[in-house]
Amino acid sequence: MNGSYLPDEIAHDDERYEMIRRLLSRTYEEELPLADAMAATFAQETGLPPYQYTTDTVTKVGTSGYVYARNLLATRVFRCPVIYFEPYVMNSTEGLARIEAGDYDGTREFDGVQRKSIFREYAQAVADGLAEYCRMVRAVK
């Protein structure tokens, strides 16, 4: 999600303008509940714990423990809710093995655990998260 601007970044006119435009657009009101709902489905689907950043360039937001505000170009300039999913750590041995295995039906064993294709896992988490968010929004109205 958009946020976590550092002093050096808001010194730039273009970044400051996009930050203010984004705040005034109130996209955050939809983006955060959507991100929290989708994070919950990713956590359930992948079984992964929340990533713990070791830098001060991000800010944890929401209630799930999985959602962070970051100052990324797309989160500033796209005029709609923007949510990035980065559930797998790049240097994870298991993650790499699952990517190298490609797409497959059913499950295969990785580090002693039966896992579906990483691509299907990711796609299912996105679909389930969007569906859950839509159900939640419709129930409120």
N, C-alpha and C. Protein backbone atom coordinates (compact mmCIF):
# COMPACT_ATOMS: atom_id res chain seq x y z
N MET A 1 0.83 -1.17 0.00
CA MET A 1 0.00 0.00 0.00
C MET A 1 0.87 1.23 0.00
N ASN A 2 0.28 2.33 -0.38
CA ASN A 2 1.01 3.59 -0.44
C ASN A 2 1.28 4.11 0.97
N GLY A 3 2.46 4.70 1.15
CA GLY A 3 2.80 5.33 2.42
C GLY A 3 4.26 5.19 2.75
N SER A 4 4.60 5.49 3.99
CA SER A 4 5.95 5.37 4.51
C SER A 4 6.95 6.21 3.72
N TYR A 5 6.62 7.47 3.53
CA TYR A 5 7.50 8.39 2.83
C TYR A 5 8.62 8.84 3.75
N LEU A 6 9.82 8.86 3.23
CA LEU A 6 10.98 9.32 3.98
C LEU A 6 11.22 10.79 3.70
N PRO A 7 11.87 11.52 4.60
CA PRO A 7 12.09 12.96 4.39
C PRO A 7 12.75 13.29 3.06
N ASP A 8 13.74 12.50 2.65
CA ASP A 8 14.41 12.77 1.37
C ASP A 8 13.45 12.60 0.19
N GLU A 9 12.47 11.70 0.33
CA GLU A 9 11.53 11.46 -0.77
C GLU A 9 10.51 12.58 -0.90
N ILE A 10 10.02 13.09 0.21
CA ILE A 10 9.03 14.16 0.09
C ILE A 10 9.67 15.51 -0.20
N ALA A 11 10.98 15.54 -0.27
CA ALA A 11 11.67 16.74 -0.73
C ALA A 11 11.49 16.92 -2.23
N HIS A 12 11.12 15.86 -2.94
CA HIS A 12 10.89 15.92 -4.39
C HIS A 12 9.47 16.38 -4.66
N ASP A 13 9.33 17.43 -5.48
CA ASP A 13 8.00 17.98 -5.77
C ASP A 13 7.04 16.94 -6.32
N ASP A 14 7.50 16.09 -7.24
CA ASP A 14 6.60 15.12 -7.86
C ASP A 14 6.11 14.08 -6.85
N GLU A 15 6.98 13.62 -5.98
CA GLU A 15 6.56 12.63 -4.98
C GLU A 15 5.63 13.26 -3.96
N ARG A 16 5.91 14.48 -3.57
CA ARG A 16 5.05 15.18 -2.61
C ARG A 16 3.66 15.41 -3.23
N TYR A 17 3.62 15.81 -4.50
CA TYR A 17 2.35 16.02 -5.19
C TYR A 17 1.55 14.72 -5.24
N GLU A 18 2.18 13.62 -5.65
CA GLU A 18 1.48 12.34 -5.76
C GLU A 18 1.03 11.84 -4.39
N MET A 19 1.83 12.09 -3.36
CA MET A 19 1.44 11.69 -2.01
C MET A 19 0.17 12.43 -1.58
N ILE A 20 0.14 13.73 -1.79
CA ILE A 20 -1.03 14.52 -1.40
C ILE A 20 -2.24 14.15 -2.24
N ARG A 21 -2.06 13.99 -3.55
CA ARG A 21 -3.16 13.59 -4.43
C ARG A 21 -3.74 12.25 -3.97
N ARG A 22 -2.85 11.35 -3.63
CA ARG A 22 -3.29 10.02 -3.20
C ARG A 22 -4.07 10.10 -1.88
N LEU A 23 -3.57 10.87 -0.94
CA LEU A 23 -4.28 11.03 0.33
C LEU A 23 -5.66 11.66 0.14
N LEU A 24 -5.75 12.67 -0.71
CA LEU A 24 -7.02 13.34 -0.94
C LEU A 24 -8.00 12.49 -1.73
N SER A 25 -7.51 11.51 -2.46
CA SER A 25 -8.40 10.64 -3.24
C SER A 25 -9.15 9.66 -2.35
N ARG A 26 -8.69 9.46 -1.13
CA ARG A 26 -9.30 8.56 -0.15
C ARG A 26 -9.29 7.10 -0.61
N THR A 27 -8.38 6.76 -1.49
CA THR A 27 -8.24 5.38 -1.94
C THR A 27 -7.96 4.45 -0.77
N TYR A 28 -7.28 4.97 0.23
CA TYR A 28 -6.90 4.20 1.42
C TYR A 28 -8.11 3.55 2.08
N GLU A 29 -9.27 4.22 2.01
CA GLU A 29 -10.48 3.69 2.65
C GLU A 29 -10.91 2.35 2.08
N GLU A 30 -10.61 2.11 0.81
CA GLU A 30 -10.91 0.81 0.22
C GLU A 30 -9.68 -0.09 0.20
N GLU A 31 -8.54 0.52 -0.01
CA GLU A 31 -7.30 -0.23 -0.16
C GLU A 31 -6.94 -1.03 1.10
N LEU A 32 -7.05 -0.43 2.26
CA LEU A 32 -6.63 -1.11 3.49
C LEU A 32 -7.53 -2.30 3.84
N PRO A 33 -8.87 -2.15 3.84
CA PRO A 33 -9.69 -3.34 4.11
C PRO A 33 -9.50 -4.44 3.06
N LEU A 34 -9.30 -4.04 1.81
CA LEU A 34 -9.04 -5.02 0.75
C LEU A 34 -7.72 -5.74 1.01
N ALA A 35 -6.69 -4.99 1.36
CA ALA A 35 -5.38 -5.59 1.64
C ALA A 35 -5.45 -6.54 2.84
N ASP A 36 -6.15 -6.13 3.89
CA ASP A 36 -6.27 -7.00 5.07
C ASP A 36 -7.01 -8.29 4.74
N ALA A 37 -8.11 -8.18 3.99
CA ALA A 37 -8.87 -9.38 3.62
C ALA A 37 -8.03 -10.32 2.76
N MET A 38 -7.30 -9.75 1.82
CA MET A 38 -6.49 -10.58 0.93
C MET A 38 -5.29 -11.16 1.66
N ALA A 39 -4.73 -10.42 2.59
CA ALA A 39 -3.61 -10.94 3.38
C ALA A 39 -4.04 -12.15 4.19
N ALA A 40 -5.25 -12.11 4.72
CA ALA A 40 -5.75 -13.24 5.50
C ALA A 40 -5.86 -14.50 4.64
N THR A 41 -6.32 -14.35 3.41
CA THR A 41 -6.42 -15.54 2.55
C THR A 41 -5.04 -16.02 2.12
N PHE A 42 -4.10 -15.10 1.89
CA PHE A 42 -2.74 -15.52 1.56
C PHE A 42 -2.12 -16.28 2.73
N ALA A 43 -2.33 -15.79 3.94
CA ALA A 43 -1.78 -16.46 5.12
C ALA A 43 -2.37 -17.86 5.25
N GLN A 44 -3.66 -17.98 5.04
CA GLN A 44 -4.32 -19.28 5.14
C GLN A 44 -3.85 -20.22 4.03
N GLU A 45 -3.76 -19.72 2.82
CA GLU A 45 -3.40 -20.55 1.67
C GLU A 45 -1.93 -20.99 1.72
N THR A 46 -1.03 -20.08 2.10
CA THR A 46 0.40 -20.37 2.05
C THR A 46 0.95 -20.91 3.37
N GLY A 47 0.31 -20.56 4.48
CA GLY A 47 0.84 -20.94 5.78
C GLY A 47 2.07 -20.15 6.19
N LEU A 48 2.37 -19.09 5.47
CA LEU A 48 3.56 -18.30 5.76
C LEU A 48 3.29 -17.29 6.87
N PRO A 49 4.29 -17.04 7.73
CA PRO A 49 4.14 -16.00 8.75
C PRO A 49 4.33 -14.62 8.12
N PRO A 50 3.93 -13.55 8.81
CA PRO A 50 4.18 -12.21 8.27
C PRO A 50 5.68 -11.96 8.13
N TYR A 51 6.06 -11.30 7.05
CA TYR A 51 7.46 -10.94 6.84
C TYR A 51 7.81 -9.82 7.82
N GLN A 52 8.99 -9.90 8.38
CA GLN A 52 9.45 -8.87 9.31
C GLN A 52 10.57 -8.07 8.65
N TYR A 53 10.27 -6.85 8.26
CA TYR A 53 11.28 -5.98 7.66
C TYR A 53 12.30 -5.57 8.72
N THR A 54 13.53 -5.40 8.29
CA THR A 54 14.59 -4.97 9.21
C THR A 54 15.03 -3.55 8.91
N THR A 55 14.24 -2.84 8.08
CA THR A 55 14.56 -1.45 7.76
C THR A 55 13.42 -0.56 8.24
N ASP A 56 13.66 0.74 8.22
CA ASP A 56 12.62 1.69 8.62
C ASP A 56 11.95 2.34 7.41
N THR A 57 12.05 1.71 6.25
CA THR A 57 11.47 2.27 5.03
C THR A 57 10.04 1.81 4.78
N VAL A 58 9.48 1.03 5.68
CA VAL A 58 8.11 0.55 5.56
C VAL A 58 7.38 0.79 6.88
N THR A 59 6.06 0.79 6.82
CA THR A 59 5.24 0.95 8.02
C THR A 59 4.16 -0.11 8.02
N LYS A 60 4.07 -0.88 9.09
CA LYS A 60 3.01 -1.89 9.20
C LYS A 60 1.68 -1.17 9.39
N VAL A 61 0.66 -1.57 8.60
CA VAL A 61 -0.66 -0.96 8.69
C VAL A 61 -1.72 -2.06 8.74
N GLY A 62 -2.93 -1.70 9.10
CA GLY A 62 -4.02 -2.67 9.11
C GLY A 62 -3.99 -3.54 10.35
N THR A 63 -4.79 -4.61 10.30
CA THR A 63 -4.96 -5.47 11.47
C THR A 63 -4.41 -6.87 11.29
N SER A 64 -4.01 -7.22 10.07
CA SER A 64 -3.61 -8.60 9.79
C SER A 64 -2.19 -8.93 10.21
N GLY A 65 -1.33 -7.92 10.30
CA GLY A 65 0.08 -8.16 10.57
C GLY A 65 0.89 -8.43 9.31
N TYR A 66 0.21 -8.51 8.17
CA TYR A 66 0.86 -8.82 6.90
C TYR A 66 0.98 -7.62 5.96
N VAL A 67 0.32 -6.52 6.26
CA VAL A 67 0.22 -5.41 5.31
C VAL A 67 1.16 -4.29 5.71
N TYR A 68 1.91 -3.80 4.73
CA TYR A 68 2.85 -2.71 4.94
C TYR A 68 2.59 -1.58 3.96
N ALA A 69 2.78 -0.35 4.43
CA ALA A 69 2.78 0.81 3.54
C ALA A 69 4.21 1.00 3.07
N ARG A 70 4.34 1.22 1.76
CA ARG A 70 5.67 1.43 1.16
C ARG A 70 5.55 2.52 0.11
N ASN A 71 6.62 3.25 -0.08
CA ASN A 71 6.64 4.29 -1.09
C ASN A 71 7.21 3.70 -2.38
N LEU A 72 6.33 3.15 -3.19
CA LEU A 72 6.71 2.58 -4.48
C LEU A 72 6.01 3.38 -5.58
N LEU A 73 6.63 3.47 -6.73
CA LEU A 73 6.09 4.28 -7.82
C LEU A 73 4.63 3.95 -8.13
N ALA A 74 4.31 2.68 -8.30
CA ALA A 74 2.94 2.30 -8.67
C ALA A 74 1.94 2.66 -7.58
N THR A 75 2.35 2.59 -6.32
CA THR A 75 1.40 2.94 -5.26
C THR A 75 1.15 4.44 -5.22
N ARG A 76 2.01 5.21 -5.85
CA ARG A 76 1.80 6.66 -5.91
C ARG A 76 1.00 7.07 -7.13
N VAL A 77 1.29 6.50 -8.29
CA VAL A 77 0.75 7.07 -9.53
C VAL A 77 -0.50 6.39 -10.07
N PHE A 78 -0.76 5.14 -9.73
CA PHE A 78 -2.00 4.50 -10.20
C PHE A 78 -3.17 5.10 -9.42
N ARG A 79 -4.22 5.44 -10.12
CA ARG A 79 -5.36 6.12 -9.49
C ARG A 79 -6.45 5.12 -9.12
N CYS A 80 -6.05 4.13 -8.37
CA CYS A 80 -6.96 3.08 -7.91
C CYS A 80 -6.27 2.38 -6.74
N PRO A 81 -6.99 1.51 -6.03
CA PRO A 81 -6.29 0.75 -4.98
C PRO A 81 -5.14 -0.07 -5.57
N VAL A 82 -4.01 -0.04 -4.90
CA VAL A 82 -2.83 -0.78 -5.36
C VAL A 82 -2.34 -1.65 -4.21
N ILE A 83 -2.28 -2.94 -4.48
CA ILE A 83 -1.80 -3.89 -3.47
C ILE A 83 -0.80 -4.82 -4.14
N TYR A 84 0.40 -4.89 -3.59
CA TYR A 84 1.41 -5.82 -4.07
C TYR A 84 1.40 -7.05 -3.17
N PHE A 85 1.58 -8.20 -3.77
CA PHE A 85 1.71 -9.42 -2.99
C PHE A 85 3.11 -9.95 -3.17
N GLU A 86 3.81 -10.12 -2.07
CA GLU A 86 5.16 -10.67 -2.09
C GLU A 86 5.25 -11.77 -1.02
N PRO A 87 4.48 -12.85 -1.21
CA PRO A 87 4.41 -13.85 -0.14
C PRO A 87 5.65 -14.74 -0.03
N TYR A 88 6.43 -14.83 -1.06
CA TYR A 88 7.56 -15.77 -1.05
C TYR A 88 8.87 -14.99 -1.02
N VAL A 89 9.78 -15.40 -0.17
CA VAL A 89 11.08 -14.76 -0.05
C VAL A 89 11.98 -15.24 -1.18
N MET A 90 12.65 -14.29 -1.84
CA MET A 90 13.45 -14.62 -3.03
C MET A 90 14.52 -15.67 -2.77
N ASN A 91 15.15 -15.62 -1.62
CA ASN A 91 16.25 -16.56 -1.39
C ASN A 91 15.81 -17.79 -0.60
N SER A 92 14.52 -18.10 -0.62
CA SER A 92 13.99 -19.28 0.05
C SER A 92 14.28 -20.52 -0.79
N THR A 93 14.92 -21.51 -0.19
CA THR A 93 15.22 -22.75 -0.90
C THR A 93 13.94 -23.45 -1.33
N GLU A 94 12.96 -23.52 -0.43
CA GLU A 94 11.68 -24.16 -0.78
C GLU A 94 10.96 -23.39 -1.88
N GLY A 95 10.93 -22.06 -1.77
CA GLY A 95 10.27 -21.24 -2.79
C GLY A 95 10.89 -21.46 -4.16
N LEU A 96 12.21 -21.49 -4.22
CA LEU A 96 12.90 -21.71 -5.49
C LEU A 96 12.56 -23.09 -6.05
N ALA A 97 12.58 -24.10 -5.21
CA ALA A 97 12.27 -25.46 -5.66
C ALA A 97 10.85 -25.54 -6.20
N ARG A 98 9.92 -24.86 -5.56
CA ARG A 98 8.53 -24.88 -6.02
C ARG A 98 8.38 -24.13 -7.34
N ILE A 99 9.09 -23.05 -7.51
CA ILE A 99 9.05 -22.31 -8.78
C ILE A 99 9.65 -23.17 -9.89
N GLU A 100 10.79 -23.78 -9.61
CA GLU A 100 11.44 -24.64 -10.61
C GLU A 100 10.58 -25.84 -10.98
N ALA A 101 9.74 -26.31 -10.06
CA ALA A 101 8.87 -27.46 -10.34
C ALA A 101 7.79 -27.12 -11.37
N GLY A 102 7.55 -25.83 -11.57
CA GLY A 102 6.54 -25.42 -12.54
C GLY A 102 5.14 -25.70 -12.04
N ASP A 103 4.18 -25.61 -12.95
CA ASP A 103 2.79 -25.87 -12.60
C ASP A 103 2.51 -27.37 -12.69
N TYR A 104 1.70 -27.89 -11.78
CA TYR A 104 1.36 -29.32 -11.79
C TYR A 104 0.02 -29.52 -11.09
N ASP A 105 -0.64 -30.62 -11.40
CA ASP A 105 -1.89 -30.99 -10.74
C ASP A 105 -1.60 -31.62 -9.39
N GLY A 106 -2.55 -31.52 -8.47
CA GLY A 106 -2.40 -32.19 -7.18
C GLY A 106 -1.35 -31.53 -6.31
N THR A 107 -0.64 -32.37 -5.54
CA THR A 107 0.39 -31.86 -4.64
C THR A 107 1.69 -32.62 -4.85
N ARG A 108 2.77 -32.00 -4.41
CA ARG A 108 4.09 -32.63 -4.38
C ARG A 108 4.72 -32.30 -3.04
N GLU A 109 5.69 -33.11 -2.67
CA GLU A 109 6.34 -32.90 -1.38
C GLU A 109 7.52 -31.95 -1.51
N PHE A 110 7.54 -30.95 -0.62
CA PHE A 110 8.66 -30.01 -0.50
C PHE A 110 8.98 -29.89 0.97
N ASP A 111 10.21 -30.20 1.33
CA ASP A 111 10.64 -30.14 2.74
C ASP A 111 9.67 -30.88 3.66
N GLY A 112 9.20 -32.03 3.20
CA GLY A 112 8.35 -32.88 4.02
C GLY A 112 6.88 -32.47 4.08
N VAL A 113 6.49 -31.48 3.28
CA VAL A 113 5.11 -30.99 3.29
C VAL A 113 4.53 -31.11 1.89
N GLN A 114 3.32 -31.65 1.79
CA GLN A 114 2.63 -31.72 0.51
C GLN A 114 2.13 -30.32 0.15
N ARG A 115 2.53 -29.84 -1.03
CA ARG A 115 2.15 -28.48 -1.46
C ARG A 115 1.63 -28.51 -2.88
N LYS A 116 0.60 -27.72 -3.14
CA LYS A 116 0.14 -27.57 -4.52
C LYS A 116 1.12 -26.66 -5.25
N SER A 117 0.98 -26.57 -6.55
CA SER A 117 1.82 -25.70 -7.37
C SER A 117 1.84 -24.29 -6.77
N ILE A 118 3.00 -23.69 -6.70
CA ILE A 118 3.13 -22.34 -6.15
C ILE A 118 2.30 -21.34 -6.96
N PHE A 119 2.17 -21.60 -8.25
CA PHE A 119 1.40 -20.71 -9.12
C PHE A 119 -0.09 -20.82 -8.83
N ARG A 120 -0.56 -22.04 -8.60
CA ARG A 120 -1.98 -22.25 -8.26
C ARG A 120 -2.27 -21.73 -6.86
N GLU A 121 -1.33 -21.92 -5.96
CA GLU A 121 -1.49 -21.42 -4.60
C GLU A 121 -1.67 -19.90 -4.62
N TYR A 122 -0.82 -19.23 -5.36
CA TYR A 122 -0.85 -17.77 -5.47
C TYR A 122 -2.17 -17.31 -6.10
N ALA A 123 -2.53 -17.92 -7.23
CA ALA A 123 -3.76 -17.53 -7.93
C ALA A 123 -4.99 -17.79 -7.07
N GLN A 124 -5.01 -18.90 -6.36
CA GLN A 124 -6.15 -19.22 -5.50
C GLN A 124 -6.26 -18.22 -4.36
N ALA A 125 -5.14 -17.83 -3.79
CA ALA A 125 -5.16 -16.85 -2.70
C ALA A 125 -5.69 -15.51 -3.19
N VAL A 126 -5.29 -15.07 -4.38
CA VAL A 126 -5.80 -13.82 -4.94
C VAL A 126 -7.31 -13.92 -5.16
N ALA A 127 -7.76 -14.99 -5.80
CA ALA A 127 -9.19 -15.17 -6.09
C ALA A 127 -10.00 -15.24 -4.80
N ASP A 128 -9.53 -16.02 -3.83
CA ASP A 128 -10.26 -16.15 -2.57
C ASP A 128 -10.30 -14.83 -1.80
N GLY A 129 -9.19 -14.10 -1.83
CA GLY A 129 -9.14 -12.81 -1.13
C GLY A 129 -10.10 -11.80 -1.73
N LEU A 130 -10.13 -11.72 -3.06
CA LEU A 130 -11.08 -10.80 -3.71
C LEU A 130 -12.52 -11.20 -3.41
N ALA A 131 -12.80 -12.49 -3.48
CA ALA A 131 -14.16 -12.97 -3.20
C ALA A 131 -14.55 -12.65 -1.75
N GLU A 132 -13.66 -12.89 -0.82
CA GLU A 132 -13.95 -12.61 0.59
C GLU A 132 -14.20 -11.12 0.81
N TYR A 133 -13.39 -10.28 0.20
CA TYR A 133 -13.58 -8.83 0.33
C TYR A 133 -14.93 -8.42 -0.24
N CYS A 134 -15.28 -8.94 -1.40
CA CYS A 134 -16.58 -8.59 -2.02
C CYS A 134 -17.74 -9.05 -1.15
N ARG A 135 -17.64 -10.24 -0.56
CA ARG A 135 -18.70 -10.70 0.35
C ARG A 135 -18.81 -9.78 1.57
N MET A 136 -17.67 -9.37 2.08
CA MET A 136 -17.64 -8.50 3.25
C MET A 136 -18.27 -7.14 2.93
N VAL A 137 -17.93 -6.57 1.80
CA VAL A 137 -18.46 -5.26 1.40
C VAL A 137 -19.96 -5.34 1.15
N ARG A 138 -20.40 -6.39 0.50
CA ARG A 138 -21.84 -6.55 0.22
C ARG A 138 -22.64 -6.75 1.50
N ALA A 139 -22.06 -7.42 2.48
CA ALA A 139 -22.77 -7.66 3.75
C ALA A 139 -23.00 -6.36 4.51
N VAL A 140 -22.09 -5.40 4.35
CA VAL A 140 -22.19 -4.13 5.05
C VAL A 140 -23.27 -3.25 4.43
N LYS A 141 -23.43 -3.33 3.11
CA LYS A 141 -24.39 -2.45 2.41
C LYS A 141 -25.81 -2.87 2.59
